[in-house]
Amino acid sequence: MEELISKMPEECGRYLPEIFSFFEAAPNGEMFTWKDHLFGATFPAKTVEYVHNNWRPRDGDVLVASHMKTGTSWVREMVRMILYGDNEELDRLTRAATTPLTYIEGGPVCSLRMMDCLPWKRRIFVSHLPSDILQIDEYLKKDIKVICPMRNPKDQAVSCYHFFNNLPYRRANGYKDVIAKDWNTWFENHIAGKIPTSCKVGEFYPSHILSWLPYKNHPKFLFLKYEDMKKNPLETVSKIATFIGKPLSDAQAAKIAQETTIDRMKQRLDEGNLAESEILKELGMYRKVENLLGQVGGWKEYFTEDQSKRMDEIFRKKLEGTGLTFDYE
């Protein structure tokens, strides 16, 4: 990250001590609510409020708007490589722009000021916020692109289970009461909306989907399904490239699709050449790439028959009339 900081205005370097102090203190942080939404320690109230009221994107920005564990890092890396993978310097610099220069609501408010100093024209951001908290209608006044990956809720739940149980603060303060190691307890807490995922208290993944679905036919939006991405990554890369206005040759698309396979991303993660590598190690969240890019159908190793039926029924009722369905294997 040192090279990246050297390319930014001098004042940006002054924010680093506050940012590192924030993440060092995160393991002792607490869950909190803002506008009845439940957040974890790394998405602080002041930052969420600042994002809601003040922060706006610039023309050309790309936003990956997703719920947790739906392919966020995968899509972001595809976008990054499409925009900058053919430029050696920008490829290197954009890899260094990890959390807190990625998640709009992640980190202290000063991290947003650093984001505004990133030394390239088209920035790539991520948010797990529902559309109303993000105030997406204000964002759409700019010439931006929004990509919304979605994933079947059973695999998403299992991936969330592993993610939260790997967090360094999972046993701190209020977390230990809801971040259960026992899968059955976790499942009940998950569907009861007790996990801090930016949804309203008492709600979970389907409410996040419903906040974004009204935009599914908007020209500035591209909705993707994780399962389709797994089936045809080459088609996904080409679709994203065309959508963000940087179409690729067949050879270029094939190269990016190969670089973002599970095996290759695992290798790059271990080598420190994946955008998430440095910060994952810093936060004690360094995890196997299989947890970043899980297989479709892995939920069967966790869900009981009753849990599977209950999840089906919840999503049937919540998404009734939307036409949205998911593949589970």
Protein backbone atom coordinates (compact mmCIF):
# COMPACT_ATOMS: atom_id res chain seq x y z
CA MET A 1 0.00 0.00 0.00
CA GLU A 2 3.01 2.32 0.40
CA GLU A 3 3.28 2.88 -3.35
CA LEU A 4 -0.42 3.70 -3.55
CA ILE A 5 -0.18 6.22 -0.71
CA SER A 6 2.78 7.87 -2.43
CA LYS A 7 0.55 8.55 -5.45
CA MET A 8 -2.08 10.31 -3.33
CA PRO A 9 -2.09 13.83 -1.83
CA GLU A 10 0.13 14.13 1.24
CA GLU A 11 -2.85 14.73 3.52
CA CYS A 12 -4.15 11.22 2.82
CA GLY A 13 -1.20 9.65 4.59
CA ARG A 14 -2.28 11.42 7.76
CA TYR A 15 -5.46 9.36 7.85
CA LEU A 16 -3.61 6.06 8.11
CA PRO A 17 -3.00 6.06 11.90
CA GLU A 18 -6.70 6.62 12.54
CA ILE A 19 -7.66 3.89 10.07
CA PHE A 20 -5.26 1.32 11.53
CA SER A 21 -6.32 2.23 15.07
CA PHE A 22 -9.91 1.69 14.06
CA PHE A 23 -9.30 -1.82 12.76
CA GLU A 24 -7.07 -2.71 15.69
CA ALA A 25 -9.93 -1.79 18.02
CA ALA A 26 -12.56 -3.62 15.94
CA PRO A 27 -12.21 -6.93 17.87
CA ASN A 28 -13.49 -5.08 20.95
CA GLY A 29 -16.27 -3.31 19.09
CA GLU A 30 -19.96 -3.86 19.51
CA MET A 31 -22.95 -4.38 17.28
CA PHE A 32 -25.21 -1.36 16.89
CA THR A 33 -28.39 -0.25 15.18
CA TRP A 34 -28.91 2.77 12.94
CA LYS A 35 -32.34 3.50 11.47
CA ASP A 36 -33.36 0.07 12.81
CA HIS A 37 -30.66 -1.70 10.77
CA LEU A 38 -28.17 -3.97 12.54
CA PHE A 39 -24.45 -3.43 11.90
CA GLY A 40 -21.16 -4.95 13.02
CA ALA A 41 -18.11 -3.22 14.47
CA THR A 42 -16.34 -2.61 11.14
CA PHE A 43 -19.33 -0.68 9.74
CA PRO A 44 -19.46 2.14 12.35
CA ALA A 45 -22.54 4.30 12.91
CA LYS A 46 -20.76 7.56 12.08
CA THR A 47 -19.60 6.19 8.74
CA VAL A 48 -22.99 4.70 7.82
CA GLU A 49 -24.64 8.01 8.67
CA TYR A 50 -22.03 9.97 6.69
CA VAL A 51 -22.54 7.70 3.68
CA HIS A 52 -26.30 8.11 3.93
CA ASN A 53 -26.22 11.89 4.20
CA ASN A 54 -23.05 13.06 2.48
CA TRP A 55 -20.95 10.71 0.39
CA ARG A 56 -21.68 10.36 -3.31
CA PRO A 57 -19.87 8.63 -6.19
CA ARG A 58 -18.29 10.25 -9.23
CA ASP A 59 -19.03 9.75 -12.90
CA GLY A 60 -17.47 6.52 -14.09
CA ASP A 61 -17.49 4.73 -10.72
CA VAL A 62 -18.56 1.09 -10.51
CA LEU A 63 -20.46 -0.11 -7.45
CA VAL A 64 -20.83 -3.75 -6.47
CA ALA A 65 -24.00 -3.71 -4.37
CA SER A 66 -24.42 -7.05 -2.67
CA HIS A 67 -25.39 -8.88 0.45
CA MET A 68 -22.63 -10.64 2.36
CA LYS A 69 -21.25 -13.86 0.83
CA THR A 70 -22.91 -13.60 -2.55
CA GLY A 71 -19.78 -13.29 -4.71
CA THR A 72 -18.79 -9.72 -3.83
CA SER A 73 -15.00 -10.16 -3.91
CA TRP A 74 -15.24 -12.31 -7.03
CA VAL A 75 -17.21 -9.70 -8.99
CA ARG A 76 -15.02 -6.87 -7.76
CA GLU A 77 -11.88 -8.67 -8.90
CA MET A 78 -13.41 -9.30 -12.33
CA VAL A 79 -14.25 -5.59 -12.65
CA ARG A 80 -10.79 -4.57 -11.46
CA MET A 81 -9.05 -6.80 -13.98
CA ILE A 82 -11.34 -5.69 -16.81
CA LEU A 83 -10.61 -2.02 -16.14
CA TYR A 84 -6.95 -2.17 -15.14
CA GLY A 85 -5.51 -5.64 -15.71
CA ASP A 86 -3.89 -4.60 -18.99
CA ASN A 87 -1.96 -1.72 -17.36
CA GLU A 88 0.94 -2.97 -15.24
CA GLU A 89 1.10 0.05 -12.92
CA LEU A 90 -2.66 0.43 -12.43
CA ASP A 91 -3.05 -3.31 -11.98
CA ARG A 92 -0.53 -3.15 -9.14
CA LEU A 93 -2.00 -0.01 -7.57
CA THR A 94 -5.62 -1.14 -7.72
CA ARG A 95 -4.68 -4.43 -6.05
CA ALA A 96 -3.44 -2.35 -3.12
CA ALA A 97 -6.78 -0.55 -2.79
CA THR A 98 -8.32 -3.02 -0.36
CA THR A 99 -10.46 -2.47 2.72
CA PRO A 100 -10.86 0.30 3.91
CA LEU A 101 -10.61 1.73 0.38
CA THR A 102 -13.19 -0.65 -1.00
CA TYR A 103 -16.25 -0.88 1.25
CA ILE A 104 -18.07 2.45 1.31
CA GLU A 105 -19.40 1.89 4.82
CA GLY A 106 -16.32 0.06 6.15
CA GLY A 107 -13.89 1.88 8.43
CA PRO A 108 -13.83 5.40 9.90
CA VAL A 109 -15.18 8.41 8.01
CA CYS A 110 -11.66 9.47 7.00
CA SER A 111 -11.39 6.34 4.85
CA LEU A 112 -14.01 7.89 2.57
CA ARG A 113 -11.79 10.95 2.21
CA MET A 114 -8.97 8.64 1.14
CA MET A 115 -11.29 6.98 -1.38
CA ASP A 116 -11.86 10.37 -2.95
CA CYS A 117 -8.09 10.68 -3.48
CA LEU A 118 -7.58 7.39 -5.34
CA PRO A 119 -5.35 8.19 -8.33
CA TRP A 120 -7.38 6.64 -11.15
CA LYS A 121 -10.50 7.77 -12.95
CA ARG A 122 -12.90 4.85 -12.53
CA ARG A 123 -13.09 3.68 -8.95
CA ILE A 124 -14.56 0.34 -7.85
CA PHE A 125 -16.53 0.30 -4.62
CA VAL A 126 -18.49 -2.26 -2.67
CA SER A 127 -21.44 -1.90 -0.32
CA HIS A 128 -23.57 -4.34 1.65
CA LEU A 129 -26.07 -1.62 2.53
CA PRO A 130 -29.70 -1.86 1.45
CA SER A 131 -30.57 0.58 -1.33
CA ASP A 132 -32.51 2.97 0.92
CA ILE A 133 -29.67 3.34 3.45
CA LEU A 134 -27.23 3.92 0.59
CA GLN A 135 -29.67 6.40 -1.01
CA ILE A 136 -29.11 4.83 -4.40
CA ASP A 137 -31.43 7.27 -6.18
CA GLU A 138 -28.95 10.03 -5.35
CA TYR A 139 -26.12 7.89 -6.74
CA LEU A 140 -27.97 7.36 -10.00
CA LYS A 141 -27.77 11.08 -10.73
CA LYS A 142 -24.15 10.31 -11.64
CA ASP A 143 -22.94 8.29 -14.62
CA ILE A 144 -22.20 5.13 -12.63
CA LYS A 145 -22.68 1.40 -13.07
CA VAL A 146 -24.12 -0.87 -10.38
CA ILE A 147 -23.59 -4.63 -10.33
CA CYS A 148 -25.78 -6.71 -8.01
CA PRO A 149 -24.65 -10.32 -7.51
CA MET A 150 -27.12 -12.65 -5.82
CA ARG A 151 -26.71 -16.20 -4.50
CA ASN A 152 -29.04 -18.97 -3.46
CA PRO A 153 -29.88 -18.37 0.22
CA LYS A 154 -28.82 -21.79 1.45
CA ASP A 155 -25.23 -21.63 0.21
CA GLN A 156 -25.18 -17.96 1.25
CA ALA A 157 -26.19 -18.90 4.80
CA VAL A 158 -23.46 -21.53 5.08
CA SER A 159 -20.82 -19.14 3.74
CA CYS A 160 -21.99 -16.48 6.22
CA TYR A 161 -21.74 -19.05 9.01
CA HIS A 162 -18.07 -19.71 8.23
CA PHE A 163 -17.29 -16.03 7.65
CA PHE A 164 -18.64 -14.84 10.99
CA ASN A 165 -17.08 -17.73 12.87
CA ASN A 166 -13.69 -16.70 11.46
CA LEU A 167 -13.98 -13.08 12.61
CA PRO A 168 -11.52 -12.07 15.35
CA TYR A 169 -14.31 -10.39 17.33
CA ARG A 170 -16.85 -13.24 17.13
CA ARG A 171 -16.59 -13.93 20.88
CA ALA A 172 -16.59 -10.28 21.99
CA ASN A 173 -19.43 -8.35 23.61
CA GLY A 174 -22.81 -9.03 22.00
CA TYR A 175 -21.38 -11.16 19.21
CA LYS A 176 -20.87 -14.30 21.25
CA ASP A 177 -24.61 -14.49 21.87
CA VAL A 178 -25.48 -14.69 18.17
CA ILE A 179 -22.36 -15.91 16.34
CA ALA A 180 -22.85 -19.54 17.25
CA LYS A 181 -20.39 -22.31 16.45
CA ASP A 182 -23.27 -24.76 16.47
CA TRP A 183 -24.86 -24.73 13.02
CA ASN A 184 -28.43 -25.27 14.24
CA THR A 185 -28.19 -22.31 16.62
CA TRP A 186 -26.59 -20.20 13.91
CA PHE A 187 -29.38 -21.05 11.48
CA GLU A 188 -32.08 -19.91 13.92
CA ASN A 189 -30.24 -16.66 14.66
CA HIS A 190 -29.68 -16.10 10.94
CA ILE A 191 -33.32 -16.36 9.84
CA ALA A 192 -34.42 -14.41 12.94
CA GLY A 193 -32.36 -11.43 11.74
CA LYS A 194 -30.02 -11.39 14.72
CA ILE A 195 -26.78 -11.41 12.70
CA PRO A 196 -25.28 -7.95 11.96
CA THR A 197 -25.53 -7.90 8.15
CA SER A 198 -26.88 -4.34 7.62
CA CYS A 199 -30.47 -5.55 7.33
CA LYS A 200 -33.22 -4.33 9.62
CA VAL A 201 -33.38 -5.96 13.03
CA GLY A 202 -35.44 -9.12 12.64
CA GLU A 203 -34.79 -9.37 8.89
CA PHE A 204 -32.12 -11.05 6.76
CA TYR A 205 -31.07 -11.73 3.17
CA PRO A 206 -34.51 -11.55 1.42
CA SER A 207 -35.09 -8.00 2.67
CA HIS A 208 -31.77 -6.92 1.13
CA ILE A 209 -32.74 -8.48 -2.20
CA LEU A 210 -36.12 -6.73 -2.13
CA SER A 211 -34.45 -3.36 -1.56
CA TRP A 212 -32.53 -3.70 -4.83
CA LEU A 213 -34.93 -5.62 -7.10
CA PRO A 214 -36.93 -2.53 -8.13
CA TYR A 215 -33.87 -1.54 -10.18
CA LYS A 216 -33.53 -4.82 -12.08
CA ASN A 217 -34.56 -3.21 -15.38
CA HIS A 218 -32.66 0.05 -14.84
CA PRO A 219 -30.02 0.63 -17.56
CA LYS A 220 -27.35 1.44 -14.97
CA PHE A 221 -27.82 -1.92 -13.23
CA LEU A 222 -26.60 -5.42 -13.96
CA PHE A 223 -27.99 -8.27 -11.86
CA LEU A 224 -26.00 -11.50 -11.74
CA LYS A 225 -26.63 -14.88 -10.15
CA TYR A 226 -23.69 -16.55 -8.45
CA GLU A 227 -24.74 -19.95 -9.78
CA ASP A 228 -24.76 -18.67 -13.38
CA MET A 229 -21.33 -17.12 -12.82
CA LYS A 230 -20.02 -20.51 -11.70
CA LYS A 231 -21.51 -22.27 -14.71
CA ASN A 232 -20.11 -19.85 -17.27
CA PRO A 233 -17.42 -17.49 -15.95
CA LEU A 234 -16.29 -16.51 -19.46
CA GLU A 235 -19.77 -15.30 -20.35
CA THR A 236 -19.93 -13.44 -17.03
CA VAL A 237 -16.65 -11.61 -17.67
CA SER A 238 -17.79 -10.58 -21.15
CA LYS A 239 -21.18 -9.45 -19.85
CA ILE A 240 -19.62 -7.30 -17.12
CA ALA A 241 -17.07 -5.83 -19.53
CA THR A 242 -19.75 -4.78 -22.02
CA PHE A 243 -21.94 -3.39 -19.23
CA ILE A 244 -19.22 -1.15 -17.78
CA GLY A 245 -18.23 0.07 -21.21
CA LYS A 246 -14.96 -1.75 -21.75
CA PRO A 247 -15.66 -4.67 -24.08
CA LEU A 248 -12.94 -7.29 -24.36
CA SER A 249 -11.61 -9.53 -27.07
CA ASP A 250 -12.27 -13.24 -26.66
CA ALA A 251 -8.66 -13.74 -25.61
CA GLN A 252 -8.80 -10.98 -22.99
CA ALA A 253 -12.04 -12.30 -21.53
CA ALA A 254 -10.67 -15.83 -21.41
CA LYS A 255 -7.56 -14.65 -19.55
CA ILE A 256 -9.59 -12.85 -16.89
CA ALA A 257 -11.95 -15.79 -16.52
CA GLN A 258 -8.94 -18.03 -15.94
CA GLU A 259 -7.32 -15.63 -13.47
CA THR A 260 -10.52 -15.59 -11.41
CA THR A 261 -11.10 -19.35 -11.14
CA ILE A 262 -11.08 -20.86 -7.66
CA ASP A 263 -7.68 -22.53 -8.13
CA ARG A 264 -6.04 -19.43 -9.56
CA MET A 265 -7.50 -17.06 -6.98
CA LYS A 266 -6.37 -19.41 -4.22
CA GLN A 267 -2.86 -19.29 -5.64
CA ARG A 268 -2.95 -15.50 -5.95
CA LEU A 269 -4.32 -15.15 -2.42
CA ASP A 270 -1.47 -17.25 -1.05
CA GLU A 271 1.05 -15.24 -3.08
CA GLY A 272 -0.38 -11.95 -1.83
CA ASN A 273 -1.42 -10.96 -5.37
CA LEU A 274 -5.15 -10.80 -4.76
CA ALA A 275 -6.75 -7.53 -3.70
CA GLU A 276 -7.91 -8.98 -0.37
CA SER A 277 -4.64 -10.59 0.71
CA GLU A 278 -3.01 -7.86 2.79
CA ILE A 279 -6.03 -6.69 4.73
CA LEU A 280 -7.26 -10.22 5.45
CA LYS A 281 -3.97 -10.97 7.14
CA GLU A 282 -4.04 -7.66 9.03
CA LEU A 283 -7.51 -8.33 10.41
CA GLY A 284 -6.89 -11.97 11.27
CA MET A 285 -9.47 -12.94 8.66
CA TYR A 286 -7.17 -14.70 6.21
CA ARG A 287 -9.28 -17.61 5.04
CA LYS A 288 -9.27 -20.29 2.41
CA VAL A 289 -10.38 -19.15 -1.00
CA GLU A 290 -13.02 -21.88 -0.96
CA ASN A 291 -14.80 -19.65 1.57
CA LEU A 292 -14.50 -16.75 -0.86
CA LEU A 293 -15.73 -18.75 -3.83
CA GLY A 294 -17.75 -21.67 -2.48
CA GLN A 295 -19.20 -24.49 -4.51
CA VAL A 296 -22.88 -24.54 -5.42
CA GLY A 297 -24.78 -27.10 -3.34
CA GLY A 298 -22.46 -27.16 -0.34
CA TRP A 299 -25.46 -26.31 1.84
CA LYS A 300 -26.54 -29.96 1.76
CA GLU A 301 -23.78 -30.81 4.22
CA TYR A 302 -25.34 -28.47 6.81
CA PHE A 303 -29.07 -28.06 6.31
CA THR A 304 -31.48 -30.55 7.80
CA GLU A 305 -34.53 -31.41 5.72
CA ASP A 306 -36.67 -29.22 7.97
CA GLN A 307 -34.28 -26.26 7.69
CA SER A 308 -34.24 -26.59 3.91
CA LYS A 309 -38.04 -26.55 3.74
CA ARG A 310 -38.25 -23.58 6.07
CA MET A 311 -35.78 -21.57 3.97
CA ASP A 312 -37.70 -22.47 0.82
CA GLU A 313 -40.94 -21.28 2.39
CA ILE A 314 -39.45 -18.01 3.65
CA PHE A 315 -38.12 -17.13 0.22
CA ARG A 316 -41.26 -18.27 -1.55
CA LYS A 317 -43.34 -15.87 0.54
CA LYS A 318 -40.86 -12.98 0.53
CA LEU A 319 -40.13 -13.09 -3.20
CA GLU A 320 -43.61 -13.94 -4.38
CA GLY A 321 -44.45 -12.00 -7.52
CA THR A 322 -40.86 -10.98 -8.27
CA GLY A 323 -40.13 -13.84 -10.67
CA LEU A 324 -36.77 -14.38 -8.97
CA THR A 325 -35.67 -17.98 -8.45
CA PHE A 326 -32.41 -19.65 -7.47
CA ASP A 327 -30.50 -22.78 -8.42
CA TYR A 328 -29.48 -24.90 -5.43
CA GLU A 329 -27.17 -27.46 -7.04
